[in-house]
C-alpha atoms as a PDB file:
ATOM      1  CA  MET A   1      10.628  10.969  -0.914  1.00  0.00           C
ATOM      2  CA  PRO A   2      10.772  14.132   1.240  1.00  0.00           C
ATOM      3  CA  PRO A   3       7.504  16.047   1.769  1.00  0.00           C
ATOM      4  CA  GLN A   4       6.765  18.892  -0.621  1.00  0.00           C
ATOM      5  CA  GLN A   5       6.738  22.387   0.890  1.00  0.00           C
ATOM      6  CA  LEU A   6       3.533  24.238   0.020  1.00  0.00           C
ATOM      7  CA  THR A   7       3.453  28.014  -0.440  1.00  0.00           C
ATOM      8  CA  VAL A   8       0.747  30.658  -0.029  1.00  0.00           C
ATOM      9  CA  LYS A   9      -0.678  31.851  -3.360  1.00  0.00           C
ATOM     10  CA  ASP A  10      -3.529  34.013  -2.054  1.00  0.00           C
ATOM     11  CA  THR A  11      -5.724  34.686   0.965  1.00  0.00           C
ATOM     12  CA  ALA A  12      -9.381  35.553   1.547  1.00  0.00           C
ATOM     13  CA  ASP A  13     -11.491  36.897   4.398  1.00  0.00           C
ATOM     14  CA  VAL A  14     -14.254  34.595   5.670  1.00  0.00           C
ATOM     15  CA  ASP A  15     -16.716  36.348   7.960  1.00  0.00           C
ATOM     16  CA  LEU A  16     -16.798  33.560  10.521  1.00  0.00           C
ATOM     17  CA  LEU A  17     -15.086  33.308  13.884  1.00  0.00           C
ATOM     18  CA  GLU A  18     -13.271  30.138  14.929  1.00  0.00           C
ATOM     19  CA  ILE A  19     -13.587  28.259  11.634  1.00  0.00           C
ATOM     20  CA  SER A  20     -13.547  24.554  12.452  1.00  0.00           C
ATOM     21  CA  GLY A  21     -14.188  22.860   9.116  1.00  0.00           C
ATOM     22  CA  LEU A  22     -14.595  23.232   5.344  1.00  0.00           C
ATOM     23  CA  GLY A  23     -16.592  21.151   2.884  1.00  0.00           C
ATOM     24  CA  GLN A  24     -18.055  21.121  -0.622  1.00  0.00           C
ATOM     25  CA  ARG A  25     -21.470  20.664  -2.183  1.00  0.00           C
ATOM     26  CA  HIS A  26     -23.067  21.040  -5.600  1.00  0.00           C
ATOM     27  CA  HIS A  27     -24.864  24.341  -6.070  1.00  0.00           C
ATOM     28  CA  PRO A  28     -28.629  23.666  -5.752  1.00  0.00           C
ATOM     29  CA  ASP A  29     -29.134  25.414  -9.114  1.00  0.00           C
ATOM     30  CA  GLY A  30     -26.524  23.237 -10.826  1.00  0.00           C
ATOM     31  CA  ARG A  31     -23.967  26.036 -11.128  1.00  0.00           C
ATOM     32  CA  GLY A  32     -20.829  24.166 -10.116  1.00  0.00           C
ATOM     33  CA  LEU A  33     -19.436  23.577  -6.646  1.00  0.00           C
ATOM     34  CA  GLN A  34     -19.682  25.614  -3.479  1.00  0.00           C
ATOM     35  CA  MET A  35     -17.418  25.767  -0.453  1.00  0.00           C
ATOM     36  CA  LEU A  36     -18.988  25.394   2.988  1.00  0.00           C
ATOM     37  CA  ALA A  37     -17.430  26.791   6.160  1.00  0.00           C
ATOM     38  CA  VAL A  38     -18.608  26.118   9.713  1.00  0.00           C
ATOM     39  CA  GLY A  39     -17.351  27.205  13.120  1.00  0.00           C
ATOM     40  CA  ASP A  40     -17.674  25.585  16.525  1.00  0.00           C
ATOM     41  CA  ASP A  41     -18.906  28.790  18.182  1.00  0.00           C
ATOM     42  CA  ASP A  42     -21.535  30.222  15.834  1.00  0.00           C
ATOM     43  CA  PHE A  43     -24.706  28.632  14.413  1.00  0.00           C
ATOM     44  CA  THR A  44     -23.771  29.927  10.968  1.00  0.00           C
ATOM     45  CA  ILE A  45     -22.755  28.388   7.640  1.00  0.00           C
ATOM     46  CA  VAL A  46     -20.742  30.494   5.208  1.00  0.00           C
ATOM     47  CA  ILE A  47     -21.024  29.617   1.501  1.00  0.00           C
ATOM     48  CA  ALA A  48     -18.932  30.639  -1.506  1.00  0.00           C
ATOM     49  CA  ASP A  49     -18.861  29.538  -5.140  1.00  0.00           C
ATOM     50  CA  LEU A  50     -15.832  27.335  -5.735  1.00  0.00           C
ATOM     51  CA  GLU A  51     -13.983  27.383  -9.046  1.00  0.00           C
ATOM     52  CA  ALA A  52     -10.568  25.883  -9.722  1.00  0.00           C
ATOM     53  CA  GLY A  53      -7.945  28.581 -10.012  1.00  0.00           C
ATOM     54  CA  VAL A  54     -10.186  31.317  -8.563  1.00  0.00           C
ATOM     55  CA  THR A  55      -9.946  32.549  -4.974  1.00  0.00           C
ATOM     56  CA  PRO A  56     -13.409  32.746  -3.338  1.00  0.00           C
ATOM     57  CA  ARG A  57     -14.302  36.381  -2.674  1.00  0.00           C
ATOM     58  CA  HIS A  58     -18.068  36.589  -2.228  1.00  0.00           C
ATOM     59  CA  PHE A  59     -19.397  34.824   0.862  1.00  0.00           C
ATOM     60  CA  ASP A  60     -23.015  34.357   1.956  1.00  0.00           C
ATOM     61  CA  ARG A  61     -23.818  33.794   5.640  1.00  0.00           C
ATOM     62  CA  LEU A  62     -26.801  31.752   6.794  1.00  0.00           C
ATOM     63  CA  ARG A  63     -27.690  31.788  10.481  1.00  0.00           C
ATOM     64  CA  LEU A  64     -29.264  28.488  11.502  1.00  0.00           C
ATOM     65  CA  GLU A  65     -30.176  28.714  15.185  1.00  0.00           C
ATOM     66  CA  HIS A  66     -33.821  28.201  14.303  1.00  0.00           C
ATOM     67  CA  VAL A  67     -32.996  25.056  12.315  1.00  0.00           C
ATOM     68  CA  LEU A  68     -30.268  23.268  14.252  1.00  0.00           C
ATOM     69  CA  ALA A  69     -29.901  24.777  17.726  1.00  0.00           C
ATOM     70  CA  GLU A  70     -31.435  22.405  20.253  1.00  0.00           C
ATOM     71  CA  GLY A  71     -32.455  23.770  23.649  1.00  0.00           C
ATOM     72  CA  GLU A  72     -30.232  26.481  25.075  1.00  0.00           C
ATOM     73  CA  PRO A  73     -26.669  25.756  23.920  1.00  0.00           C
ATOM     74  CA  THR A  74     -24.035  26.858  26.411  1.00  0.00           C
ATOM     75  CA  GLN A  75     -20.880  25.940  24.507  1.00  0.00           C
ATOM     76  CA  GLY A  76     -21.524  27.277  21.035  1.00  0.00           C
ATOM     77  CA  SER A  77     -22.600  25.219  18.067  1.00  0.00           C
ATOM     78  CA  GLN A  78     -19.940  22.497  18.428  1.00  0.00           C
ATOM     79  CA  TRP A  79     -20.001  22.221  14.623  1.00  0.00           C
ATOM     80  CA  GLU A  80     -16.724  20.713  13.437  1.00  0.00           C
ATOM     81  CA  ALA A  81     -17.221  19.693   9.806  1.00  0.00           C
ATOM     82  CA  ALA A  82     -19.507  19.969   6.776  1.00  0.00           C
ATOM     83  CA  ASP A  83     -20.015  18.038   3.556  1.00  0.00           C
ATOM     84  CA  GLY A  84     -22.545  17.976   0.742  1.00  0.00           C
ATOM     85  CA  ASP A  85     -23.833  15.950  -2.174  1.00  0.00           C
ATOM     86  CA  ALA A  86     -25.150  16.436  -5.722  1.00  0.00           C
ATOM     87  CA  SER A  87     -28.632  17.362  -4.479  1.00  0.00           C
ATOM     88  CA  GLY A  88     -27.225  20.396  -2.687  1.00  0.00           C
ATOM     89  CA  ARG A  89     -28.069  18.988   0.742  1.00  0.00           C
ATOM     90  CA  VAL A  90     -25.677  19.922   3.523  1.00  0.00           C
ATOM     91  CA  PHE A  91     -24.404  17.576   6.246  1.00  0.00           C
ATOM     92  CA  VAL A  92     -23.071  19.185   9.433  1.00  0.00           C
ATOM     93  CA  LEU A  93     -21.101  17.257  12.062  1.00  0.00           C
ATOM     94  CA  GLN A  94     -21.664  18.247  15.675  1.00  0.00           C
ATOM     95  CA  GLU A  95     -18.914  17.182  18.057  1.00  0.00           C
ATOM     96  CA  ASP A  96     -20.683  16.903  21.417  1.00  0.00           C
ATOM     97  CA  PRO A  97     -22.973  15.028  21.358  1.00  0.00           C
ATOM     98  CA  ALA A  98     -21.914  13.310  18.122  1.00  0.00           C
ATOM     99  CA  VAL A  99     -24.649  14.032  15.570  1.00  0.00           C
ATOM    100  CA  VAL A 100     -24.806  14.613  11.805  1.00  0.00           C
ATOM    101  CA  PHE A 101     -27.534  17.094  10.849  1.00  0.00           C
ATOM    102  CA  VAL A 102     -28.836  16.862   7.268  1.00  0.00           C
ATOM    103  CA  LEU A 103     -30.217  20.100   5.806  1.00  0.00           C
ATOM    104  CA  ASN A 104     -32.234  20.611   2.651  1.00  0.00           C
ATOM    105  CA  PRO A 105     -30.484  22.492  -0.203  1.00  0.00           C
ATOM    106  CA  GLN A 106     -31.995  25.824   0.888  1.00  0.00           C
ATOM    107  CA  MET A 107     -30.771  25.123   4.431  1.00  0.00           C
ATOM    108  CA  ASP A 108     -34.043  26.193   5.984  1.00  0.00           C
ATOM    109  CA  ASP A 109     -35.267  22.748   7.041  1.00  0.00           C
ATOM    110  CA  LEU A 110     -33.806  19.772   8.902  1.00  0.00           C
ATOM    111  CA  VAL A 111     -34.215  16.680   6.723  1.00  0.00           C
ATOM    112  CA  SER A 112     -32.626  14.090   9.005  1.00  0.00           C
ATOM    113  CA  ARG A 113     -30.758  13.737  12.291  1.00  0.00           C
ATOM    114  CA  ILE A 114     -28.186  10.923  12.462  1.00  0.00           C
ATOM    115  CA  GLU A 115     -26.870  10.169  15.947  1.00  0.00           C
ATOM    116  CA  LEU A 116     -23.425   8.519  16.056  1.00  0.00           C
ATOM    117  CA  ALA A 117     -22.917   5.764  18.625  1.00  0.00           C
ATOM    118  CA  ASN A 118     -19.269   5.532  19.633  1.00  0.00           C
ATOM    119  CA  THR A 119     -18.688   1.960  20.802  1.00  0.00           C
ATOM    120  CA  THR A 120     -17.059  -0.544  18.439  1.00  0.00           C
ATOM    121  CA  PRO A 121     -18.386  -4.100  18.022  1.00  0.00           C
ATOM    122  CA  GLU A 122     -15.362  -5.209  20.089  1.00  0.00           C
ATOM    123  CA  GLY A 123     -16.460  -2.958  22.945  1.00  0.00           C
ATOM    124  CA  ASP A 124     -13.813  -0.250  22.542  1.00  0.00           C
ATOM    125  CA  ASP A 125     -15.292   3.070  23.575  1.00  0.00           C
ATOM    126  CA  PHE A 126     -14.532   6.003  21.293  1.00  0.00           C
ATOM    127  CA  GLY A 127     -17.104   8.207  23.006  1.00  0.00           C
ATOM    128  CA  LEU A 128     -16.462  11.582  24.542  1.00  0.00           C
ATOM    129  CA  GLY A 129     -14.904  10.254  27.732  1.00  0.00           C
ATOM    130  CA  THR A 130     -12.493  12.760  29.231  1.00  0.00           C
ATOM    131  CA  SER A 131     -11.695  14.550  25.958  1.00  0.00           C
ATOM    132  CA  PRO A 132     -14.909  16.219  24.715  1.00  0.00           C
ATOM    133  CA  ASN A 133     -12.908  18.637  22.570  1.00  0.00           C
ATOM    134  CA  SER A 134     -10.832  15.981  20.796  1.00  0.00           C
ATOM    135  CA  GLN A 135     -13.539  14.076  18.929  1.00  0.00           C
ATOM    136  CA  GLY A 136     -15.092  14.338  15.455  1.00  0.00           C
ATOM    137  CA  GLU A 137     -13.183  16.840  13.288  1.00  0.00           C
ATOM    138  CA  GLY A 138     -13.827  15.750   9.702  1.00  0.00           C
ATOM    139  CA  LEU A 139     -16.734  14.287   7.720  1.00  0.00           C
ATOM    140  CA  VAL A 140     -16.861  12.392   4.420  1.00  0.00           C
ATOM    141  CA  LEU A 141     -19.949  10.843   2.812  1.00  0.00           C
ATOM    142  CA  LEU A 142     -19.748   7.473   1.051  1.00  0.00           C
ATOM    143  CA  ARG A 143     -21.802   6.162  -1.877  1.00  0.00           C
ATOM    144  CA  ASN A 144     -23.022   3.195   0.187  1.00  0.00           C
ATOM    145  CA  GLY A 145     -24.766   5.445   2.711  1.00  0.00           C
ATOM    146  CA  HIS A 146     -22.013   5.125   5.304  1.00  0.00           C
ATOM    147  CA  ILE A 147     -20.103   8.036   6.847  1.00  0.00           C
ATOM    148  CA  LEU A 148     -16.408   8.496   7.580  1.00  0.00           C
ATOM    149  CA  VAL A 149     -15.509  10.658  10.580  1.00  0.00           C
ATOM    150  CA  ALA A 150     -11.983  11.672  11.541  1.00  0.00           C
ATOM    151  CA  LYS A 151     -11.374  11.848  15.286  1.00  0.00           C
ATOM    152  CA  GLU A 152      -8.920  14.592  16.214  1.00  0.00           C
ATOM    153  CA  LYS A 153      -6.715  12.928  18.862  1.00  0.00           C
ATOM    154  CA  ASP A 154      -6.527  10.823  22.035  1.00  0.00           C
ATOM    155  CA  PRO A 155      -6.123   8.891  19.721  1.00  0.00           C
ATOM    156  CA  PRO A 156      -6.443  10.246  16.154  1.00  0.00           C
ATOM    157  CA  VAL A 157      -8.426   7.678  14.167  1.00  0.00           C
ATOM    158  CA  LEU A 158     -10.651   7.330  11.115  1.00  0.00           C
ATOM    159  CA  MET A 159     -14.073   5.825  11.859  1.00  0.00           C
ATOM    160  CA  GLU A 160     -16.755   4.299   9.619  1.00  0.00           C
ATOM    161  CA  TYR A 161     -20.393   4.650  10.707  1.00  0.00           C
ATOM    162  CA  GLY A 162     -23.511   3.060   9.276  1.00  0.00           C
ATOM    163  CA  PRO A 163     -26.831   1.414  10.157  1.00  0.00           C
ATOM    164  CA  SER A 164     -26.496  -1.274  12.848  1.00  0.00           C
ATOM    165  CA  GLU A 165     -27.592  -4.085  10.527  1.00  0.00           C
ATOM    166  CA  GLU A 166     -24.849  -3.354   7.982  1.00  0.00           C
ATOM    167  CA  ARG A 167     -21.214  -4.392   7.912  1.00  0.00           C
ATOM    168  CA  PRO A 168     -18.230  -2.108   7.343  1.00  0.00           C
ATOM    169  CA  GLU A 169     -17.121  -1.822   3.724  1.00  0.00           C
ATOM    170  CA  GLY A 170     -13.958   0.204   4.218  1.00  0.00           C
ATOM    171  CA  LEU A 171     -12.732   2.639   1.619  1.00  0.00           C
ATOM    172  CA  THR A 172     -12.201   2.327  -2.117  1.00  0.00           C
ATOM    173  CA  PRO A 173     -11.998   5.140  -4.703  1.00  0.00           C
ATOM    174  CA  ASP A 174     -15.431   4.267  -6.093  1.00  0.00           C
ATOM    175  CA  LEU A 175     -17.010   4.868  -2.675  1.00  0.00           C
ATOM    176  CA  LEU A 176     -15.675   8.429  -2.537  1.00  0.00           C
ATOM    177  CA  PHE A 177     -18.128  10.263  -4.737  1.00  0.00           C
ATOM    178  CA  ALA A 178     -16.714  13.754  -4.177  1.00  0.00           C
ATOM    179  CA  THR A 179     -20.206  15.351  -4.270  1.00  0.00           C
ATOM    180  CA  SER A 180     -21.063  13.901  -7.711  1.00  0.00           C
ATOM    181  CA  ASP A 181     -23.878  11.644  -6.407  1.00  0.00           C
ATOM    182  CA  GLU A 182     -26.714  11.930  -3.930  1.00  0.00           C
ATOM    183  CA  PHE A 183     -26.094  10.403  -0.515  1.00  0.00           C
ATOM    184  CA  PRO A 184     -28.674   7.633   0.170  1.00  0.00           C
ATOM    185  CA  LEU A 185     -30.422   9.014   3.225  1.00  0.00           C
ATOM    186  CA  PRO A 186     -32.046   6.689   5.762  1.00  0.00           C
ATOM    187  CA  GLN A 187     -35.840   6.574   5.613  1.00  0.00           C
ATOM    188  CA  ALA A 188     -36.393   7.642   9.206  1.00  0.00           C
ATOM    189  CA  PRO A 189     -36.016  11.370   9.958  1.00  0.00           C
ATOM    190  CA  ARG A 190     -34.113  10.452  13.117  1.00  0.00           C
ATOM    191  CA  MET A 191     -31.909   7.392  13.534  1.00  0.00           C
ATOM    192  CA  GLU A 192     -28.683   6.052  14.991  1.00  0.00           C
ATOM    193  CA  PHE A 193     -25.585   4.975  13.096  1.00  0.00           C
ATOM    194  CA  ASN A 194     -23.264   2.514  14.790  1.00  0.00           C
ATOM    195  CA  LEU A 195     -19.485   2.636  14.760  1.00  0.00           C
ATOM    196  CA  LEU A 196     -18.692  -0.182  12.309  1.00  0.00           C
ATOM    197  CA  THR A 197     -14.899  -0.069  12.272  1.00  0.00           C
ATOM    198  CA  VAL A 198     -11.917   2.061  13.269  1.00  0.00           C
ATOM    199  CA  TRP A 199      -8.540   2.612  11.618  1.00  0.00           C
ATOM    200  CA  ARG A 200      -5.677   3.803  13.805  1.00  0.00           C
ATOM    201  CA  LEU A 201      -2.513   5.426  12.526  1.00  0.00           C
ATOM    202  CA  SER A 202       0.420   3.088  11.971  1.00  0.00           C
ATOM    203  CA  SER A 203       3.523   3.782  14.042  1.00  0.00           C
ATOM    204  CA  SER A 204       5.174   5.643  11.166  1.00  0.00           C
ATOM    205  CA  ALA A 205       1.993   7.582  10.315  1.00  0.00           C
ATOM    206  CA  GLY A 206       1.539   8.402  13.985  1.00  0.00           C
ATOM    207  CA  ASP A 207       5.036   9.862  14.105  1.00  0.00           C
ATOM    208  CA  THR A 208       4.054  12.127  11.196  1.00  0.00           C
ATOM    209  CA  LEU A 209       0.501  13.087  12.189  1.00  0.00           C
ATOM    210  CA  LYS A 210      -0.011  14.172  15.781  1.00  0.00           C
ATOM    211  CA  ASP A 211      -3.661  15.023  15.192  1.00  0.00           C
ATOM    212  CA  ILE A 212      -6.345  15.244  12.477  1.00  0.00           C
ATOM    213  CA  SER A 213      -8.056  18.608  11.996  1.00  0.00           C
ATOM    214  CA  ASP A 214     -10.105  17.884   8.870  1.00  0.00           C
ATOM    215  CA  VAL A 215     -10.514  15.368   6.064  1.00  0.00           C
ATOM    216  CA  ALA A 216     -11.264  16.058   2.384  1.00  0.00           C
ATOM    217  CA  VAL A 217     -11.798  14.196  -0.883  1.00  0.00           C
ATOM    218  CA  GLY A 218      -9.620  15.251  -3.815  1.00  0.00           C
ATOM    219  CA  PRO A 219     -10.413  15.233  -7.553  1.00  0.00           C
ATOM    220  CA  ASP A 220      -8.408  12.005  -7.808  1.00  0.00           C
ATOM    221  CA  GLU A 221     -10.890  10.369  -5.398  1.00  0.00           C
ATOM    222  CA  GLY A 222      -8.154  10.246  -2.794  1.00  0.00           C
ATOM    223  CA  LEU A 223      -8.592  10.998   0.898  1.00  0.00           C
ATOM    224  CA  TYR A 224      -6.572  13.862   2.402  1.00  0.00           C
ATOM    225  CA  LEU A 225      -5.991  14.600   6.087  1.00  0.00           C
ATOM    226  CA  LEU A 226      -5.137  18.012   7.540  1.00  0.00           C
ATOM    227  CA  SER A 227      -3.041  18.161  10.716  1.00  0.00           C
ATOM    228  CA  ASP A 228      -2.839  21.233  12.924  1.00  0.00           C
ATOM    229  CA  GLU A 229      -0.105  20.086  15.309  1.00  0.00           C
ATOM    230  CA  SER A 230       2.029  18.592  12.538  1.00  0.00           C
ATOM    231  CA  ALA A 231       1.320  21.448  10.075  1.00  0.00           C
ATOM    232  CA  CYS A 232       0.853  19.203   7.060  1.00  0.00           C
ATOM    233  CA  ILE A 233      -1.539  17.619   4.574  1.00  0.00           C
ATOM    234  CA  ALA A 234      -1.313  13.858   4.149  1.00  0.00           C
ATOM    235  CA  GLN A 235      -2.847  11.677   1.459  1.00  0.00           C
ATOM    236  CA  LEU A 236      -3.843   8.216   2.645  1.00  0.00           C
ATOM    237  CA  GLU A 237      -3.489   4.996   0.722  1.00  0.00           C
ATOM    238  CA  ARG A 238      -6.383   4.722  -1.727  1.00  0.00           C
ATOM    239  CA  THR A 239      -7.897   1.531  -0.322  1.00  0.00           C
ATOM    240  CA  LEU A 240      -8.765   0.729   3.295  1.00  0.00           C
ATOM    241  CA  ASP A 241      -9.854  -2.812   3.986  1.00  0.00           C
ATOM    242  CA  PRO A 242     -12.379  -2.934   6.854  1.00  0.00           C
ATOM    243  CA  LYS A 243     -10.288  -5.694   8.447  1.00  0.00           C
ATOM    244  CA  GLN A 244      -7.017  -3.798   8.422  1.00  0.00           C
ATOM    245  CA  GLU A 245      -6.070  -1.975  11.591  1.00  0.00           C
ATOM    246  CA  HIS A 246      -3.803   0.871  10.557  1.00  0.00           C
ATOM    247  CA  LEU A 247      -3.686   3.883   8.256  1.00  0.00           C
ATOM    248  CA  GLU A 248      -0.640   4.452   6.066  1.00  0.00           C
ATOM    249  CA  ILE A 249       0.405   7.723   4.431  1.00  0.00           C
ATOM    250  CA  ALA A 250       1.003   7.714   0.682  1.00  0.00           C
ATOM    251  CA  SER A 251       2.075  11.373   0.199  1.00  0.00           C
ATOM    252  CA  LEU A 252       2.856  14.325   2.446  1.00  0.00           C
ATOM    253  CA  TRP A 253       2.955  18.121   2.042  1.00  0.00           C
ATOM    254  CA  LYS A 254       4.168  20.639   4.633  1.00  0.00           C
ATOM    255  CA  LEU A 255       2.081  23.736   5.313  1.00  0.00           C
ATOM    256  CA  PRO A 256       3.574  27.232   5.147  1.00  0.00           C
ATOM    257  CA  SER A 257       4.575  28.742   8.492  1.00  0.00           C
ATOM    258  CA  GLU A 258       2.016  31.553   8.038  1.00  0.00           C
ATOM    259  CA  LEU A 259      -0.816  29.129   8.807  1.00  0.00           C
ATOM    260  CA  GLU A 260      -1.496  29.081  12.528  1.00  0.00           C
ATOM    261  CA  GLN A 261      -4.056  26.567  13.788  1.00  0.00           C
ATOM    262  CA  PRO A 262      -5.299  25.160  10.443  1.00  0.00           C
ATOM    263  CA  GLU A 263      -8.742  23.624  10.919  1.00  0.00           C
ATOM    264  CA  GLY A 264     -10.462  23.250   7.526  1.00  0.00           C
ATOM    265  CA  LEU A 265      -9.461  21.683   4.196  1.00  0.00           C
ATOM    266  CA  VAL A 266     -10.905  21.599   0.673  1.00  0.00           C
ATOM    267  CA  VAL A 267      -9.024  20.292  -2.387  1.00  0.00           C
ATOM    268  CA  THR A 268     -10.268  21.842  -5.647  1.00  0.00           C
ATOM    269  CA  ASP A 269     -10.472  20.241  -9.088  1.00  0.00           C
ATOM    270  CA  ASP A 270      -6.955  21.393  -9.975  1.00  0.00           C
ATOM    271  CA  ARG A 271      -5.586  19.914  -6.701  1.00  0.00           C
ATOM    272  CA  THR A 272      -5.285  23.305  -5.040  1.00  0.00           C
ATOM    273  CA  PRO A 273      -5.743  23.079  -1.261  1.00  0.00           C
ATOM    274  CA  LEU A 274      -7.827  25.727   0.479  1.00  0.00           C
ATOM    275  CA  VAL A 275      -7.012  25.772   4.179  1.00  0.00           C
ATOM    276  CA  ALA A 276      -9.005  27.711   6.780  1.00  0.00           C
ATOM    277  CA  VAL A 277      -7.456  28.711  10.085  1.00  0.00           C
ATOM    278  CA  ASP A 278      -9.088  29.274  13.454  1.00  0.00           C
ATOM    279  CA  SER A 279      -7.926  32.838  13.981  1.00  0.00           C
ATOM    280  CA  GLY A 280      -9.859  33.470  17.195  1.00  0.00           C
ATOM    281  CA  GLU A 281     -11.379  36.926  17.029  1.00  0.00           C
ATOM    282  CA  ARG A 282     -10.131  37.751  13.505  1.00  0.00           C
ATOM    283  CA  THR A 283     -12.203  37.308  10.334  1.00  0.00           C
ATOM    284  CA  THR A 284      -9.497  38.510   7.923  1.00  0.00           C
ATOM    285  CA  ARG A 285      -6.842  36.402   6.198  1.00  0.00           C
ATOM    286  CA  ASN A 286      -8.354  33.213   7.572  1.00  0.00           C
ATOM    287  CA  LEU A 287      -8.624  31.294   4.271  1.00  0.00           C
ATOM    288  CA  PHE A 288      -5.376  30.407   2.479  1.00  0.00           C
ATOM    289  CA  VAL A 289      -5.035  29.328  -1.151  1.00  0.00           C
ATOM    290  CA  LEU A 290      -1.913  27.164  -1.387  1.00  0.00           C
ATOM    291  CA  SER A 291       0.229  25.840  -4.216  1.00  0.00           C
ATOM    292  CA  PRO A 292      -1.141  22.682  -5.894  1.00  0.00           C
ATOM    293  CA  LEU A 293      -0.565  19.232  -4.450  1.00  0.00           C
ATOM    294  CA  GLU A 294       1.970  17.955  -6.985  1.00  0.00           C
END
């Protein structure tokens, strides 16, 4: 089946430079879902109410240097992805060094700091190495307290992290809670998650996806990958066994040519993809509402 060509239905202006990732959380007051936007330059989270069929227009900006900036950062925030859960807590992925910061629903306090160790049990090193700007680009929370992180390239992979004493469980639809549950936080305010397993792209999937810019959970509890270099959205197979080695693509959609450097993805309840682009110095027309994923 040939990939479906998506079209632009609407655009919005997000007041954030160099958007690097989108995510969702439940509104702390129980008023539906909210979209989260982060950038790798600014210590700021932008929030908007998210309703199927409605383009976000009102955006709130929260500056978080006092909460998450450690020391004197010289290379911006390095924030690459965000996700949330039913409590309204916000999880922010920092690329270098690899850390997930957990914020309270009001985003004025750091609840937990989860450091991500990047060596597999087999000894393969997926650490920063020589490509510090090609690491964690997408974040998904799992019901079992594990975390999925998409690595951008060199090579593009999907990684499962969790406490060192636990085994990988892979991916099934019931583990993707799509913000409807609370993520079981570790007891310690600061801890390390180990890299439990890694899935590489199959040869055919690798021909289709040259990189991974973000990862999102859809209303069908499916996992969707956004690719900048390949200008597409790909849905993965619904189940990933922890013992299998490769990722396979189940469905594919091509992005419109208007989208240059797509970096963030959210899929709404009516399967409408919202894609944010890293527009450099521009904060206008950097969020695109696309036709539904049929």
